[in-house]
Amino acid sequence: MKIKGLVGLTCISPLLITPLVSCRKNTATTPEIKVILMAGQSNMEGHDASWNLDYTNTKGETFYKLEDHTVRDYRAGHDNVKIDYDCTYARRIDPSQEPNSSHGEFVNVDFGYGRDTDHFGPEVGFAKYLGEHDHNQTYYIIKSAEGSSGLYNDWSETGHCYQTFVEDVKIGIENIKKLHKSFKICGFVWMQGEEDAQKEEQAPNYKNNMINLLDRISTNFSQYYIDDGLTIVDGGISTKGSSEDYAIVNQAKKELASAYTRYQYVSLSERLSMVNEWHYTNTGYLALGEAFGSAYLDIN
């Protein structure tokens, strides 16, 4: 099977892929700004478990709120990380609803950037990890996510999630250009797969669909990639899912990580604590974000 070339996923057999950048070590000066793209479905967006100390969920339960000291701890220590976020699940369930979004503006990373302002995703732990372990580097995150979205349809070339993602990244890049002369896109963090695992006919196609997604992103944005190539961080989906197709999706992710030198598979997300079959607890989201940060910095 011939696989289309992916910019930045390098140093593998030419029988598998024709790399579009070399494997040489980047000796250029570190760019002033590093841009990291975050995308996926509900567990990238942030669902069900709340940070808000005044929040009561739809069942009248309040025990998924974070403790006050946890909120304080995660709000501190990452002044070097900004985020532009667009979470569109509200619009998916009701087209008249506005997304939870910063509308192209880069703001400090905080709680409330999930499916609505009572929820959050892995960006909080991710920013904390980068702030603590790479505090001299400035990061700009562009997060574009929608719950219940599938790689096979919503993130296809004509899918509305992919189209929204491209528009979000373009707007983010233009806003960064207004502020900074030097920046590079260095990472792509992906948390998705539950929707595809529920489609028996789609789970076996996950690997090829993911390759196609990365190809499309490269086509649109490779001119902004760092010379060493894009780092991909991909989280496994929870093994608490009842279908064997969950394992098929995770296997596809693992095979991609084995094939490409700058592709990191995060296995912790397979076994984090869950609110339900689909979504992590709030402490699970914090741990997931920190695991993403660790995986990114491991090869950067």
C-alpha atoms as a PDB file:
ATOM      1  CA  MET A   1       0.000   0.000   0.000  1.00  0.00           C
ATOM      2  CA  LYS A   2       1.415   3.361  -0.992  1.00  0.00           C
ATOM      3  CA  ILE A   3       0.970   6.066   1.587  1.00  0.00           C
ATOM      4  CA  LYS A   4       0.813   9.688   0.564  1.00  0.00           C
ATOM      5  CA  GLY A   5       3.638  11.887   1.875  1.00  0.00           C
ATOM      6  CA  LEU A   6       3.189  13.713   5.195  1.00  0.00           C
ATOM      7  CA  VAL A   7       5.222  16.831   5.795  1.00  0.00           C
ATOM      8  CA  GLY A   8       7.141  16.540   9.027  1.00  0.00           C
ATOM      9  CA  LEU A   9       6.594  12.801   9.624  1.00  0.00           C
ATOM     10  CA  THR A  10      10.051  11.770   8.582  1.00  0.00           C
ATOM     11  CA  CYS A  11      12.888   9.246   8.802  1.00  0.00           C
ATOM     12  CA  ILE A  12      10.891   6.178   7.808  1.00  0.00           C
ATOM     13  CA  SER A  13      11.215   3.738   4.965  1.00  0.00           C
ATOM     14  CA  PRO A  14      10.784   5.240   1.466  1.00  0.00           C
ATOM     15  CA  LEU A  15       8.699   2.187   0.692  1.00  0.00           C
ATOM     16  CA  LEU A  16       6.105   3.559   3.107  1.00  0.00           C
ATOM     17  CA  ILE A  17       6.322   7.264   2.519  1.00  0.00           C
ATOM     18  CA  THR A  18       8.214   9.939   0.628  1.00  0.00           C
ATOM     19  CA  PRO A  19       9.169  12.553   3.204  1.00  0.00           C
ATOM     20  CA  LEU A  20       8.890  16.172   2.099  1.00  0.00           C
ATOM     21  CA  VAL A  21      11.465  17.420   4.602  1.00  0.00           C
ATOM     22  CA  SER A  22      14.854  16.022   5.507  1.00  0.00           C
ATOM     23  CA  CYS A  23      15.823  14.225   8.703  1.00  0.00           C
ATOM     24  CA  ARG A  24      18.569  16.711   9.534  1.00  0.00           C
ATOM     25  CA  LYS A  25      18.719  18.233  12.989  1.00  0.00           C
ATOM     26  CA  ASN A  26      17.424  21.791  13.026  1.00  0.00           C
ATOM     27  CA  THR A  27      20.255  24.174  13.818  1.00  0.00           C
ATOM     28  CA  ALA A  28      18.309  27.386  13.298  1.00  0.00           C
ATOM     29  CA  THR A  29      17.493  29.742  16.111  1.00  0.00           C
ATOM     30  CA  THR A  30      14.481  28.651  18.142  1.00  0.00           C
ATOM     31  CA  PRO A  31      11.441  30.530  16.803  1.00  0.00           C
ATOM     32  CA  GLU A  32      10.046  33.266  19.005  1.00  0.00           C
ATOM     33  CA  ILE A  33       6.618  31.632  19.074  1.00  0.00           C
ATOM     34  CA  LYS A  34       5.753  27.926  18.896  1.00  0.00           C
ATOM     35  CA  VAL A  35       2.214  27.195  17.721  1.00  0.00           C
ATOM     36  CA  ILE A  36       0.496  23.955  18.715  1.00  0.00           C
ATOM     37  CA  LEU A  37      -2.793  22.840  17.170  1.00  0.00           C
ATOM     38  CA  MET A  38      -5.268  20.863  19.305  1.00  0.00           C
ATOM     39  CA  ALA A  39      -8.271  19.124  17.739  1.00  0.00           C
ATOM     40  CA  GLY A  40     -10.722  16.251  18.137  1.00  0.00           C
ATOM     41  CA  GLN A  41     -14.102  15.361  19.573  1.00  0.00           C
ATOM     42  CA  SER A  42     -15.641  15.511  23.056  1.00  0.00           C
ATOM     43  CA  ASN A  43     -12.589  14.575  25.120  1.00  0.00           C
ATOM     44  CA  MET A  44     -10.587  17.302  23.403  1.00  0.00           C
ATOM     45  CA  GLU A  45     -13.442  19.729  23.804  1.00  0.00           C
ATOM     46  CA  GLY A  46     -14.205  18.870  27.459  1.00  0.00           C
ATOM     47  CA  HIS A  47     -17.505  17.285  28.541  1.00  0.00           C
ATOM     48  CA  ASP A  48     -19.476  16.265  31.637  1.00  0.00           C
ATOM     49  CA  ALA A  49     -17.015  16.866  34.500  1.00  0.00           C
ATOM     50  CA  SER A  50     -17.000  20.487  35.672  1.00  0.00           C
ATOM     51  CA  TRP A  51     -14.404  22.775  37.193  1.00  0.00           C
ATOM     52  CA  ASN A  52     -16.987  25.298  38.420  1.00  0.00           C
ATOM     53  CA  LEU A  53     -17.440  25.274  42.198  1.00  0.00           C
ATOM     54  CA  ASP A  54     -21.061  26.425  41.756  1.00  0.00           C
ATOM     55  CA  TYR A  55     -21.922  23.875  39.071  1.00  0.00           C
ATOM     56  CA  THR A  56     -24.632  21.224  39.374  1.00  0.00           C
ATOM     57  CA  ASN A  57     -24.935  18.742  36.519  1.00  0.00           C
ATOM     58  CA  THR A  58     -28.108  17.656  34.775  1.00  0.00           C
ATOM     59  CA  LYS A  59     -28.643  14.856  37.306  1.00  0.00           C
ATOM     60  CA  GLY A  60     -28.429  17.272  40.225  1.00  0.00           C
ATOM     61  CA  GLU A  61     -25.005  15.926  41.189  1.00  0.00           C
ATOM     62  CA  THR A  62     -22.186  18.182  42.322  1.00  0.00           C
ATOM     63  CA  PHE A  63     -19.339  15.749  43.057  1.00  0.00           C
ATOM     64  CA  TYR A  64     -17.565  16.271  39.733  1.00  0.00           C
ATOM     65  CA  LYS A  65     -16.481  19.790  40.697  1.00  0.00           C
ATOM     66  CA  LEU A  66     -12.816  20.477  41.284  1.00  0.00           C
ATOM     67  CA  GLU A  67     -11.626  21.532  44.700  1.00  0.00           C
ATOM     68  CA  ASP A  68     -10.715  25.175  45.128  1.00  0.00           C
ATOM     69  CA  HIS A  69      -7.004  24.501  45.672  1.00  0.00           C
ATOM     70  CA  THR A  70      -6.875  22.473  42.451  1.00  0.00           C
ATOM     71  CA  VAL A  71      -8.378  25.342  40.494  1.00  0.00           C
ATOM     72  CA  ARG A  72      -5.821  27.747  41.977  1.00  0.00           C
ATOM     73  CA  ASP A  73      -2.903  25.411  41.258  1.00  0.00           C
ATOM     74  CA  TYR A  74      -3.799  24.989  37.587  1.00  0.00           C
ATOM     75  CA  ARG A  75      -4.416  28.678  37.015  1.00  0.00           C
ATOM     76  CA  ALA A  76      -0.854  29.521  38.046  1.00  0.00           C
ATOM     77  CA  GLY A  77       2.491  29.101  36.375  1.00  0.00           C
ATOM     78  CA  HIS A  78       1.829  29.201  32.630  1.00  0.00           C
ATOM     79  CA  ASP A  79       2.000  32.858  31.593  1.00  0.00           C
ATOM     80  CA  ASN A  80       4.033  31.725  28.570  1.00  0.00           C
ATOM     81  CA  VAL A  81       1.061  29.845  27.074  1.00  0.00           C
ATOM     82  CA  LYS A  82      -1.870  31.502  25.261  1.00  0.00           C
ATOM     83  CA  ILE A  83      -4.865  29.847  23.600  1.00  0.00           C
ATOM     84  CA  ASP A  84      -7.408  30.597  20.885  1.00  0.00           C
ATOM     85  CA  TYR A  85     -10.262  28.091  21.335  1.00  0.00           C
ATOM     86  CA  ASP A  86     -13.395  27.168  19.392  1.00  0.00           C
ATOM     87  CA  CYS A  87     -15.658  24.474  20.903  1.00  0.00           C
ATOM     88  CA  THR A  88     -18.663  23.917  18.663  1.00  0.00           C
ATOM     89  CA  TYR A  89     -20.727  21.149  20.299  1.00  0.00           C
ATOM     90  CA  ALA A  90     -23.508  23.571  21.328  1.00  0.00           C
ATOM     91  CA  ARG A  91     -24.018  24.456  17.677  1.00  0.00           C
ATOM     92  CA  ARG A  92     -24.070  20.765  16.739  1.00  0.00           C
ATOM     93  CA  ILE A  93     -27.055  20.010  18.965  1.00  0.00           C
ATOM     94  CA  ASP A  94     -28.788  23.332  18.231  1.00  0.00           C
ATOM     95  CA  PRO A  95     -27.708  25.302  15.121  1.00  0.00           C
ATOM     96  CA  SER A  96     -28.972  28.512  16.696  1.00  0.00           C
ATOM     97  CA  GLN A  97     -26.471  28.262  19.567  1.00  0.00           C
ATOM     98  CA  GLU A  98     -23.120  30.044  19.549  1.00  0.00           C
ATOM     99  CA  PRO A  99     -19.925  28.000  20.094  1.00  0.00           C
ATOM    100  CA  ASN A 100     -17.907  28.467  23.264  1.00  0.00           C
ATOM    101  CA  SER A 101     -15.100  30.401  21.600  1.00  0.00           C
ATOM    102  CA  SER A 102     -12.498  33.122  22.039  1.00  0.00           C
ATOM    103  CA  HIS A 103     -13.362  34.208  18.462  1.00  0.00           C
ATOM    104  CA  GLY A 104      -9.785  34.270  17.236  1.00  0.00           C
ATOM    105  CA  GLU A 105      -8.363  36.070  20.254  1.00  0.00           C
ATOM    106  CA  PHE A 106      -5.468  34.523  22.165  1.00  0.00           C
ATOM    107  CA  VAL A 107      -6.132  34.534  25.894  1.00  0.00           C
ATOM    108  CA  ASN A 108      -4.549  33.046  29.008  1.00  0.00           C
ATOM    109  CA  VAL A 109      -5.320  29.354  29.433  1.00  0.00           C
ATOM    110  CA  ASP A 110      -8.035  28.882  32.044  1.00  0.00           C
ATOM    111  CA  PHE A 111     -10.961  26.673  32.973  1.00  0.00           C
ATOM    112  CA  GLY A 112     -14.194  27.104  31.023  1.00  0.00           C
ATOM    113  CA  TYR A 113     -12.918  26.486  27.487  1.00  0.00           C
ATOM    114  CA  GLY A 114     -14.899  23.251  26.946  1.00  0.00           C
ATOM    115  CA  ARG A 115     -18.344  22.418  25.563  1.00  0.00           C
ATOM    116  CA  ASP A 116     -19.511  25.440  27.595  1.00  0.00           C
ATOM    117  CA  THR A 117     -18.041  27.728  30.223  1.00  0.00           C
ATOM    118  CA  ASP A 118     -18.630  25.185  33.007  1.00  0.00           C
ATOM    119  CA  HIS A 119     -16.319  22.612  31.390  1.00  0.00           C
ATOM    120  CA  PHE A 120     -12.738  22.293  30.165  1.00  0.00           C
ATOM    121  CA  GLY A 121     -10.538  19.949  28.178  1.00  0.00           C
ATOM    122  CA  PRO A 122      -6.896  18.802  28.252  1.00  0.00           C
ATOM    123  CA  GLU A 123      -5.599  22.285  27.402  1.00  0.00           C
ATOM    124  CA  VAL A 124      -5.462  23.214  31.113  1.00  0.00           C
ATOM    125  CA  GLY A 125      -3.083  20.406  32.103  1.00  0.00           C
ATOM    126  CA  PHE A 126      -1.194  20.807  28.824  1.00  0.00           C
ATOM    127  CA  ALA A 127      -0.512  24.494  29.494  1.00  0.00           C
ATOM    128  CA  LYS A 128       0.506  23.779  33.079  1.00  0.00           C
ATOM    129  CA  TYR A 129       3.020  21.157  31.943  1.00  0.00           C
ATOM    130  CA  LEU A 130       4.531  23.418  29.268  1.00  0.00           C
ATOM    131  CA  GLY A 131       4.630  26.310  31.719  1.00  0.00           C
ATOM    132  CA  GLU A 132       6.526  24.284  34.299  1.00  0.00           C
ATOM    133  CA  HIS A 133       8.860  22.344  32.009  1.00  0.00           C
ATOM    134  CA  ASP A 134       9.537  24.803  29.153  1.00  0.00           C
ATOM    135  CA  HIS A 135       8.889  28.140  30.804  1.00  0.00           C
ATOM    136  CA  ASN A 136      11.351  30.110  28.644  1.00  0.00           C
ATOM    137  CA  GLN A 137       9.457  29.281  25.444  1.00  0.00           C
ATOM    138  CA  THR A 138       6.273  31.087  24.404  1.00  0.00           C
ATOM    139  CA  TYR A 139       3.464  28.863  23.099  1.00  0.00           C
ATOM    140  CA  TYR A 140       0.296  29.762  21.267  1.00  0.00           C
ATOM    141  CA  ILE A 141      -2.373  27.029  21.168  1.00  0.00           C
ATOM    142  CA  ILE A 142      -5.170  26.901  18.591  1.00  0.00           C
ATOM    143  CA  LYS A 143      -7.884  24.505  19.774  1.00  0.00           C
ATOM    144  CA  SER A 144     -10.761  23.492  17.491  1.00  0.00           C
ATOM    145  CA  ALA A 145     -13.013  20.648  18.677  1.00  0.00           C
ATOM    146  CA  GLU A 146     -16.546  19.289  18.526  1.00  0.00           C
ATOM    147  CA  GLY A 147     -18.125  16.508  20.559  1.00  0.00           C
ATOM    148  CA  SER A 148     -19.580  13.472  18.738  1.00  0.00           C
ATOM    149  CA  SER A 149     -17.562  14.226  15.597  1.00  0.00           C
ATOM    150  CA  GLY A 150     -16.153  11.424  13.459  1.00  0.00           C
ATOM    151  CA  LEU A 151     -12.829  11.274  11.647  1.00  0.00           C
ATOM    152  CA  TYR A 152     -14.493   9.432   8.766  1.00  0.00           C
ATOM    153  CA  ASN A 153     -17.073  12.158   8.063  1.00  0.00           C
ATOM    154  CA  ASP A 154     -16.870  15.376  10.106  1.00  0.00           C
ATOM    155  CA  TRP A 155     -13.067  15.551   9.768  1.00  0.00           C
ATOM    156  CA  SER A 156     -12.980  14.492   6.109  1.00  0.00           C
ATOM    157  CA  GLU A 157     -11.927  16.999   3.451  1.00  0.00           C
ATOM    158  CA  THR A 158     -15.488  18.302   3.086  1.00  0.00           C
ATOM    159  CA  GLY A 159     -16.527  17.716   6.707  1.00  0.00           C
ATOM    160  CA  HIS A 160     -17.692  20.718   8.685  1.00  0.00           C
ATOM    161  CA  CYS A 161     -15.283  20.091  11.595  1.00  0.00           C
ATOM    162  CA  TYR A 162     -12.287  20.068   9.282  1.00  0.00           C
ATOM    163  CA  GLN A 163     -13.497  23.183   7.495  1.00  0.00           C
ATOM    164  CA  THR A 164     -13.973  24.929  10.853  1.00  0.00           C
ATOM    165  CA  PHE A 165     -10.522  23.781  11.966  1.00  0.00           C
ATOM    166  CA  VAL A 166      -8.856  25.194   8.850  1.00  0.00           C
ATOM    167  CA  GLU A 167     -10.648  28.498   9.283  1.00  0.00           C
ATOM    168  CA  ASP A 168      -9.743  28.619  12.992  1.00  0.00           C
ATOM    169  CA  VAL A 169      -6.060  27.999  12.230  1.00  0.00           C
ATOM    170  CA  LYS A 170      -5.991  30.576   9.449  1.00  0.00           C
ATOM    171  CA  ILE A 171      -7.538  33.226  11.691  1.00  0.00           C
ATOM    172  CA  GLY A 172      -5.173  32.317  14.513  1.00  0.00           C
ATOM    173  CA  ILE A 173      -2.135  32.557  12.252  1.00  0.00           C
ATOM    174  CA  GLU A 174      -3.189  35.960  10.944  1.00  0.00           C
ATOM    175  CA  ASN A 175      -3.622  37.226  14.490  1.00  0.00           C
ATOM    176  CA  ILE A 176      -0.203  35.871  15.494  1.00  0.00           C
ATOM    177  CA  LYS A 177       1.342  37.642  12.496  1.00  0.00           C
ATOM    178  CA  LYS A 178      -0.018  40.936  13.786  1.00  0.00           C
ATOM    179  CA  LEU A 179       1.812  40.417  17.078  1.00  0.00           C
ATOM    180  CA  HIS A 180       4.991  38.534  16.165  1.00  0.00           C
ATOM    181  CA  LYS A 181       7.366  38.366  13.231  1.00  0.00           C
ATOM    182  CA  SER A 182       8.661  34.876  13.985  1.00  0.00           C
ATOM    183  CA  PHE A 183       6.564  31.779  14.674  1.00  0.00           C
ATOM    184  CA  LYS A 184       6.351  28.138  13.641  1.00  0.00           C
ATOM    185  CA  ILE A 185       3.702  25.436  13.918  1.00  0.00           C
ATOM    186  CA  CYS A 186       5.431  22.721  15.938  1.00  0.00           C
ATOM    187  CA  GLY A 187       2.753  20.320  17.161  1.00  0.00           C
ATOM    188  CA  PHE A 188      -0.636  18.749  16.516  1.00  0.00           C
ATOM    189  CA  VAL A 189      -2.428  17.206  19.515  1.00  0.00           C
ATOM    190  CA  TRP A 190      -5.331  14.899  18.620  1.00  0.00           C
ATOM    191  CA  MET A 191      -7.938  13.349  20.950  1.00  0.00           C
ATOM    192  CA  GLN A 192     -10.596  11.542  18.936  1.00  0.00           C
ATOM    193  CA  GLY A 193     -11.818   8.100  17.917  1.00  0.00           C
ATOM    194  CA  GLU A 194     -14.836   7.146  20.021  1.00  0.00           C
ATOM    195  CA  GLU A 195     -17.257   8.059  17.227  1.00  0.00           C
ATOM    196  CA  ASP A 196     -15.366   5.936  14.679  1.00  0.00           C
ATOM    197  CA  ALA A 197     -15.151   3.028  17.145  1.00  0.00           C
ATOM    198  CA  GLN A 198     -18.943   2.956  17.283  1.00  0.00           C
ATOM    199  CA  LYS A 199     -19.120   2.470  13.511  1.00  0.00           C
ATOM    200  CA  GLU A 200     -18.172  -1.115  12.738  1.00  0.00           C
ATOM    201  CA  GLU A 201     -17.592  -0.285   9.089  1.00  0.00           C
ATOM    202  CA  GLN A 202     -15.366   2.727   9.897  1.00  0.00           C
ATOM    203  CA  ALA A 203     -13.057   1.511  12.656  1.00  0.00           C
ATOM    204  CA  PRO A 204     -10.851  -0.520  10.234  1.00  0.00           C
ATOM    205  CA  ASN A 205     -10.405   2.628   8.106  1.00  0.00           C
ATOM    206  CA  TYR A 206      -9.149   4.759  10.978  1.00  0.00           C
ATOM    207  CA  LYS A 207      -5.447   4.556  10.108  1.00  0.00           C
ATOM    208  CA  ASN A 208      -5.880   5.629   6.494  1.00  0.00           C
ATOM    209  CA  ASN A 209      -8.356   8.333   7.473  1.00  0.00           C
ATOM    210  CA  MET A 210      -5.851   9.717   9.978  1.00  0.00           C
ATOM    211  CA  ILE A 211      -3.079   9.743   7.382  1.00  0.00           C
ATOM    212  CA  ASN A 212      -5.392  11.615   5.027  1.00  0.00           C
ATOM    213  CA  LEU A 213      -6.220  14.169   7.735  1.00  0.00           C
ATOM    214  CA  LEU A 214      -2.538  14.838   8.406  1.00  0.00           C
ATOM    215  CA  ASP A 215      -1.879  15.131   4.673  1.00  0.00           C
ATOM    216  CA  ARG A 216      -4.627  17.742   4.361  1.00  0.00           C
ATOM    217  CA  ILE A 217      -3.287  19.734   7.296  1.00  0.00           C
ATOM    218  CA  SER A 218       0.177  19.641   5.725  1.00  0.00           C
ATOM    219  CA  THR A 219      -1.206  20.823   2.396  1.00  0.00           C
ATOM    220  CA  ASN A 220      -2.790  23.817   4.100  1.00  0.00           C
ATOM    221  CA  PHE A 221      -0.127  24.758   6.636  1.00  0.00           C
ATOM    222  CA  SER A 222       3.249  23.070   5.982  1.00  0.00           C
ATOM    223  CA  GLN A 223       4.763  26.433   5.007  1.00  0.00           C
ATOM    224  CA  TYR A 224       4.584  27.307   8.708  1.00  0.00           C
ATOM    225  CA  TYR A 225       6.036  24.043  10.051  1.00  0.00           C
ATOM    226  CA  ILE A 226       9.228  24.005  12.087  1.00  0.00           C
ATOM    227  CA  ASP A 227      12.192  22.605  10.130  1.00  0.00           C
ATOM    228  CA  ASP A 228      12.420  19.435  12.211  1.00  0.00           C
ATOM    229  CA  GLY A 229       8.826  18.636  11.281  1.00  0.00           C
ATOM    230  CA  LEU A 230       5.499  18.551  13.022  1.00  0.00           C
ATOM    231  CA  THR A 231       5.193  16.561  16.251  1.00  0.00           C
ATOM    232  CA  ILE A 232       1.953  14.555  16.419  1.00  0.00           C
ATOM    233  CA  VAL A 233       0.580  13.656  19.865  1.00  0.00           C
ATOM    234  CA  ASP A 234      -2.361  11.232  19.685  1.00  0.00           C
ATOM    235  CA  GLY A 235      -4.344   9.996  22.684  1.00  0.00           C
ATOM    236  CA  GLY A 236      -5.768   6.499  22.858  1.00  0.00           C
ATOM    237  CA  ILE A 237      -9.495   6.207  23.528  1.00  0.00           C
ATOM    238  CA  SER A 238     -10.727   4.633  26.744  1.00  0.00           C
ATOM    239  CA  THR A 239     -10.782   0.850  26.781  1.00  0.00           C
ATOM    240  CA  LYS A 240     -13.962   1.032  28.886  1.00  0.00           C
ATOM    241  CA  GLY A 241     -15.873   1.241  25.633  1.00  0.00           C
ATOM    242  CA  SER A 242     -17.899  -1.919  25.144  1.00  0.00           C
ATOM    243  CA  SER A 243     -17.053  -2.524  21.498  1.00  0.00           C
ATOM    244  CA  GLU A 244     -13.976  -4.385  20.233  1.00  0.00           C
ATOM    245  CA  ASP A 245     -13.723  -1.617  17.646  1.00  0.00           C
ATOM    246  CA  TYR A 246     -12.256   0.617  20.371  1.00  0.00           C
ATOM    247  CA  ALA A 247      -9.201  -1.639  20.322  1.00  0.00           C
ATOM    248  CA  ILE A 248      -9.054  -1.420  16.519  1.00  0.00           C
ATOM    249  CA  VAL A 249      -8.922   2.379  16.659  1.00  0.00           C
ATOM    250  CA  ASN A 250      -6.193   2.352  19.311  1.00  0.00           C
ATOM    251  CA  GLN A 251      -4.187  -0.168  17.325  1.00  0.00           C
ATOM    252  CA  ALA A 252      -4.308   2.143  14.312  1.00  0.00           C
ATOM    253  CA  LYS A 253      -2.954   4.976  16.436  1.00  0.00           C
ATOM    254  CA  LYS A 254      -0.171   2.755  17.785  1.00  0.00           C
ATOM    255  CA  GLU A 255       0.825   1.662  14.287  1.00  0.00           C
ATOM    256  CA  LEU A 256       1.119   5.282  13.188  1.00  0.00           C
ATOM    257  CA  ALA A 257       3.298   6.049  16.195  1.00  0.00           C
ATOM    258  CA  SER A 258       5.534   3.080  15.324  1.00  0.00           C
ATOM    259  CA  ALA A 259       5.862   4.146  11.704  1.00  0.00           C
ATOM    260  CA  TYR A 260       6.623   7.848  12.134  1.00  0.00           C
ATOM    261  CA  THR A 261       9.457   9.176  14.262  1.00  0.00           C
ATOM    262  CA  ARG A 262       7.664  12.314  15.414  1.00  0.00           C
ATOM    263  CA  TYR A 263       4.330  10.627  16.215  1.00  0.00           C
ATOM    264  CA  GLN A 264       3.682  10.067  19.933  1.00  0.00           C
ATOM    265  CA  TYR A 265       0.949   7.752  21.196  1.00  0.00           C
ATOM    266  CA  VAL A 266      -0.382   8.537  24.692  1.00  0.00           C
ATOM    267  CA  SER A 267      -1.632   5.325  26.295  1.00  0.00           C
ATOM    268  CA  LEU A 268      -2.612   6.896  29.636  1.00  0.00           C
ATOM    269  CA  SER A 269      -5.894   8.061  28.119  1.00  0.00           C
ATOM    270  CA  GLU A 270      -6.952   4.413  27.694  1.00  0.00           C
ATOM    271  CA  ARG A 271      -7.342   4.004  31.440  1.00  0.00           C
ATOM    272  CA  LEU A 272      -8.052   7.381  33.059  1.00  0.00           C
ATOM    273  CA  SER A 273     -11.019   7.763  35.419  1.00  0.00           C
ATOM    274  CA  MET A 274     -14.344   8.294  33.645  1.00  0.00           C
ATOM    275  CA  VAL A 275     -17.625  10.042  34.447  1.00  0.00           C
ATOM    276  CA  ASN A 276     -19.387   7.621  32.080  1.00  0.00           C
ATOM    277  CA  GLU A 277     -18.524   5.345  29.167  1.00  0.00           C
ATOM    278  CA  TRP A 278     -17.466   8.287  27.048  1.00  0.00           C
ATOM    279  CA  HIS A 279     -15.928  11.103  29.077  1.00  0.00           C
ATOM    280  CA  TYR A 280     -13.158  11.610  31.618  1.00  0.00           C
ATOM    281  CA  THR A 281     -13.537  13.069  35.081  1.00  0.00           C
ATOM    282  CA  ASN A 282     -12.168  16.562  35.598  1.00  0.00           C
ATOM    283  CA  THR A 283      -8.997  15.184  37.187  1.00  0.00           C
ATOM    284  CA  GLY A 284      -8.776  12.832  34.220  1.00  0.00           C
ATOM    285  CA  TYR A 285      -8.734  15.813  31.849  1.00  0.00           C
ATOM    286  CA  LEU A 286      -5.981  17.452  33.890  1.00  0.00           C
ATOM    287  CA  ALA A 287      -3.887  14.255  33.808  1.00  0.00           C
ATOM    288  CA  LEU A 288      -4.535  13.832  30.081  1.00  0.00           C
ATOM    289  CA  GLY A 289      -3.312  17.351  29.340  1.00  0.00           C
ATOM    290  CA  GLU A 290      -0.139  16.835  31.345  1.00  0.00           C
ATOM    291  CA  ALA A 291       0.486  13.529  29.546  1.00  0.00           C
ATOM    292  CA  PHE A 292       0.121  15.349  26.222  1.00  0.00           C
ATOM    293  CA  GLY A 293       2.629  17.961  27.380  1.00  0.00           C
ATOM    294  CA  SER A 294       5.107  15.292  28.446  1.00  0.00           C
ATOM    295  CA  ALA A 295       4.750  13.433  25.143  1.00  0.00           C
ATOM    296  CA  TYR A 296       5.292  16.628  23.158  1.00  0.00           C
ATOM    297  CA  LEU A 297       8.390  17.707  25.074  1.00  0.00           C
ATOM    298  CA  ASP A 298       9.872  14.204  24.976  1.00  0.00           C
ATOM    299  CA  ILE A 299      10.952  14.773  21.381  1.00  0.00           C
ATOM    300  CA  ASN A 300      11.264  18.562  21.306  1.00  0.00           C
END
